[in-house]
Amino acid sequence: YGDTCAPSYAPFFDEAAEHLASLEALLLKLNVANPDSEELNAIFRAAHSIKGGAATFGFTDLTEVTHILENLLDRIRKHETQLRPEMVDVFLRAGDVLQDMLAAHRGQGSADEAAIAQITRELTQFSEDHQHTEVSQRISVEIAAGDDFDTAALLRELTHQSEIIDYE
């Protein structure tokens, strides 16, 4: 990575460090079972800002990792992907990897290429799991004539669990 800490990069490094600190604080207090929309939006914005600054200054490695993170966070905040506890753990580790990458770009040591590759694989896996999660969450219920069944209770429960796409 070399010594890329020219004075013009200093504001980016400072802002990125602030965004990473915010990302970590928000992730640590996030209620995974019932995440707050504003907190999800703030987490997304932090990743988005880091990615944008990294791209502006030509830090391709940072841009690539934060791009995967940002896309996944975007799907979570739009309720297209269900947030899971293991995702938060990986997001926190991604923040640590990004901090190490920033330090390397500042000329403070070198980035751990194996850690970068590992976190990229894990984030990508969550992104790919999205299609399987969406399909597996679809259910159908058939009720035979004469069966006792509380349709309203089923709809309330489904609404509580996720979004109802279509029902008759």
Protein backbone atom coordinates (compact mmCIF):
# COMPACT_ATOMS: atom_id res chain seq x y z
CA TYR A 1 0.00 0.00 0.00
CA GLY A 2 2.90 2.33 0.59
CA ASP A 3 2.78 5.80 2.09
CA THR A 4 -0.36 7.32 0.58
CA CYS A 5 -1.05 9.62 3.52
CA ALA A 6 -0.64 12.87 1.62
CA PRO A 7 -2.25 15.90 3.29
CA SER A 8 -5.17 15.81 0.82
CA TYR A 9 -6.13 12.34 2.11
CA ALA A 10 -6.29 13.38 5.77
CA PRO A 11 -9.96 14.50 5.73
CA PHE A 12 -10.99 11.20 4.12
CA PHE A 13 -9.10 9.15 6.72
CA ASP A 14 -10.63 11.17 9.56
CA GLU A 15 -14.16 10.90 8.15
CA ALA A 16 -13.78 7.20 7.41
CA ALA A 17 -12.60 6.58 10.99
CA GLU A 18 -15.65 8.47 12.30
CA HIS A 19 -17.98 6.47 10.03
CA LEU A 20 -16.40 3.19 11.17
CA ALA A 21 -16.81 4.19 14.83
CA SER A 22 -20.45 5.07 14.15
CA LEU A 23 -20.98 1.81 12.26
CA GLU A 24 -19.59 -0.20 15.17
CA ALA A 25 -21.59 1.67 17.83
CA LEU A 26 -24.83 1.28 15.88
CA LEU A 27 -24.23 -2.42 15.19
CA LEU A 28 -23.47 -3.12 18.84
CA LYS A 29 -26.78 -1.64 20.02
CA LEU A 30 -28.89 -2.96 17.13
CA ASN A 31 -31.87 -5.12 18.04
CA VAL A 32 -31.43 -7.93 15.51
CA ALA A 33 -34.93 -9.35 16.04
CA ASN A 34 -36.59 -5.98 15.49
CA PRO A 35 -34.09 -3.52 13.98
CA ASP A 36 -34.94 0.18 14.05
CA SER A 37 -35.31 1.64 10.54
CA GLU A 38 -33.40 4.80 11.42
CA GLU A 39 -30.51 2.79 12.83
CA LEU A 40 -30.43 0.60 9.71
CA ASN A 41 -30.41 3.71 7.54
CA ALA A 42 -27.57 5.22 9.61
CA ILE A 43 -25.52 2.00 9.32
CA PHE A 44 -26.09 1.98 5.57
CA ARG A 45 -25.11 5.67 5.27
CA ALA A 46 -21.87 5.04 7.17
CA ALA A 47 -20.86 2.26 4.78
CA HIS A 48 -22.03 4.32 1.78
CA SER A 49 -19.93 7.31 2.87
CA ILE A 50 -16.82 5.19 3.36
CA LYS A 51 -17.29 3.60 -0.06
CA GLY A 52 -17.83 6.96 -1.75
CA GLY A 53 -14.74 8.53 -0.17
CA ALA A 54 -12.61 5.48 -0.92
CA ALA A 55 -13.72 5.54 -4.56
CA THR A 56 -13.07 9.28 -4.82
CA PHE A 57 -9.49 8.85 -3.60
CA GLY A 58 -8.82 5.70 -5.62
CA PHE A 59 -8.64 3.20 -2.76
CA THR A 60 -10.05 0.36 -4.84
CA ASP A 61 -9.61 -2.31 -2.18
CA LEU A 62 -11.66 -0.29 0.35
CA THR A 63 -14.24 0.47 -2.31
CA GLU A 64 -14.68 -3.19 -3.21
CA VAL A 65 -15.18 -4.40 0.38
CA THR A 66 -17.50 -1.56 1.35
CA HIS A 67 -19.47 -2.00 -1.89
CA ILE A 68 -20.40 -5.57 -0.91
CA LEU A 69 -21.19 -4.45 2.65
CA GLU A 70 -23.25 -1.51 1.43
CA ASN A 71 -25.34 -3.60 -0.97
CA LEU A 72 -26.13 -6.12 1.74
CA LEU A 73 -27.04 -3.37 4.22
CA ASP A 74 -29.23 -1.76 1.57
CA ARG A 75 -31.21 -4.98 1.11
CA ILE A 76 -31.58 -5.33 4.89
CA ARG A 77 -32.87 -1.78 5.33
CA LYS A 78 -35.34 -2.32 2.47
CA HIS A 79 -36.51 -5.55 4.16
CA GLU A 80 -35.43 -7.61 1.17
CA THR A 81 -33.05 -9.66 3.33
CA GLN A 82 -33.64 -10.71 6.94
CA LEU A 83 -31.00 -9.48 9.39
CA ARG A 84 -29.46 -12.33 11.38
CA PRO A 85 -27.13 -12.28 14.41
CA GLU A 86 -24.29 -13.87 12.44
CA MET A 87 -24.51 -11.02 9.92
CA VAL A 88 -23.93 -8.44 12.66
CA ASP A 89 -20.84 -10.39 13.76
CA VAL A 90 -19.48 -10.36 10.22
CA PHE A 91 -20.33 -6.65 9.82
CA LEU A 92 -18.36 -5.88 13.00
CA ARG A 93 -15.39 -7.89 11.74
CA ALA A 94 -15.69 -6.12 8.38
CA GLY A 95 -15.36 -2.83 10.26
CA ASP A 96 -12.15 -4.10 11.89
CA VAL A 97 -10.79 -5.18 8.50
CA LEU A 98 -11.67 -1.79 7.01
CA GLN A 99 -9.86 -0.06 9.91
CA ASP A 100 -6.76 -2.13 9.19
CA MET A 101 -7.00 -1.28 5.50
CA LEU A 102 -7.28 2.43 6.32
CA ALA A 103 -4.24 2.19 8.61
CA ALA A 104 -2.28 0.51 5.82
CA HIS A 105 -3.21 3.30 3.42
CA ARG A 106 -2.02 5.78 6.04
CA GLY A 107 1.32 4.00 6.02
CA GLN A 108 0.75 2.38 9.43
CA GLY A 109 1.59 -1.23 8.75
CA SER A 110 0.20 -3.48 6.07
CA ALA A 111 -3.26 -4.85 5.47
CA ASP A 112 -3.99 -8.50 6.20
CA GLU A 113 -4.81 -9.81 2.73
CA ALA A 114 -6.12 -13.12 4.14
CA ALA A 115 -8.53 -11.24 6.45
CA ILE A 116 -9.69 -9.08 3.53
CA ALA A 117 -10.31 -12.17 1.39
CA GLN A 118 -12.13 -13.93 4.24
CA ILE A 119 -14.46 -11.02 5.06
CA THR A 120 -15.16 -10.53 1.34
CA ARG A 121 -16.12 -14.22 1.05
CA GLU A 122 -18.39 -14.03 4.10
CA LEU A 123 -20.16 -10.86 2.95
CA THR A 124 -20.55 -12.31 -0.54
CA GLN A 125 -21.99 -15.51 0.93
CA PHE A 126 -24.64 -13.51 2.80
CA SER A 127 -25.44 -11.70 -0.45
CA GLU A 128 -25.83 -15.01 -2.29
CA ASP A 129 -27.90 -16.48 0.57
CA HIS A 130 -30.44 -13.73 -0.13
CA GLN A 131 -32.00 -15.65 -3.02
CA HIS A 132 -32.30 -18.84 -0.94
CA THR A 133 -33.76 -16.95 2.03
CA GLU A 134 -36.42 -15.29 -0.09
CA VAL A 135 -37.54 -18.57 -1.62
CA SER A 136 -37.51 -20.51 1.67
CA GLN A 137 -39.70 -17.92 3.39
CA ARG A 138 -42.59 -18.48 1.00
CA ILE A 139 -45.25 -20.78 2.35
CA SER A 140 -48.66 -21.92 1.35
CA VAL A 141 -51.48 -23.13 3.54
CA GLU A 142 -54.31 -25.35 2.36
CA ILE A 143 -57.41 -25.83 4.47
CA ALA A 144 -59.89 -28.57 3.72
CA ALA A 145 -63.59 -27.75 3.73
CA GLY A 146 -65.03 -28.17 7.19
CA ASP A 147 -61.69 -27.71 9.03
CA ASP A 148 -61.64 -25.28 11.94
CA PHE A 149 -59.17 -22.58 11.07
CA ASP A 150 -58.57 -19.04 12.28
CA THR A 151 -57.59 -17.20 9.10
CA ALA A 152 -57.29 -13.85 10.89
CA ALA A 153 -54.80 -15.32 13.40
CA LEU A 154 -52.71 -16.78 10.56
CA LEU A 155 -52.63 -13.45 8.72
CA ARG A 156 -51.67 -11.59 11.91
CA GLU A 157 -48.81 -14.02 12.53
CA LEU A 158 -47.58 -13.86 8.94
CA THR A 159 -47.75 -10.07 9.00
CA HIS A 160 -45.74 -10.10 12.23
CA GLN A 161 -43.11 -12.44 10.74
CA SER A 162 -42.73 -10.76 7.36
CA GLU A 163 -44.49 -9.05 4.52
CA ILE A 164 -47.48 -10.78 2.95
CA ILE A 165 -47.07 -10.73 -0.80
CA ASP A 166 -50.39 -12.22 -1.92
CA TYR A 167 -53.30 -13.99 -0.34
CA GLU A 168 -56.83 -14.91 -1.31
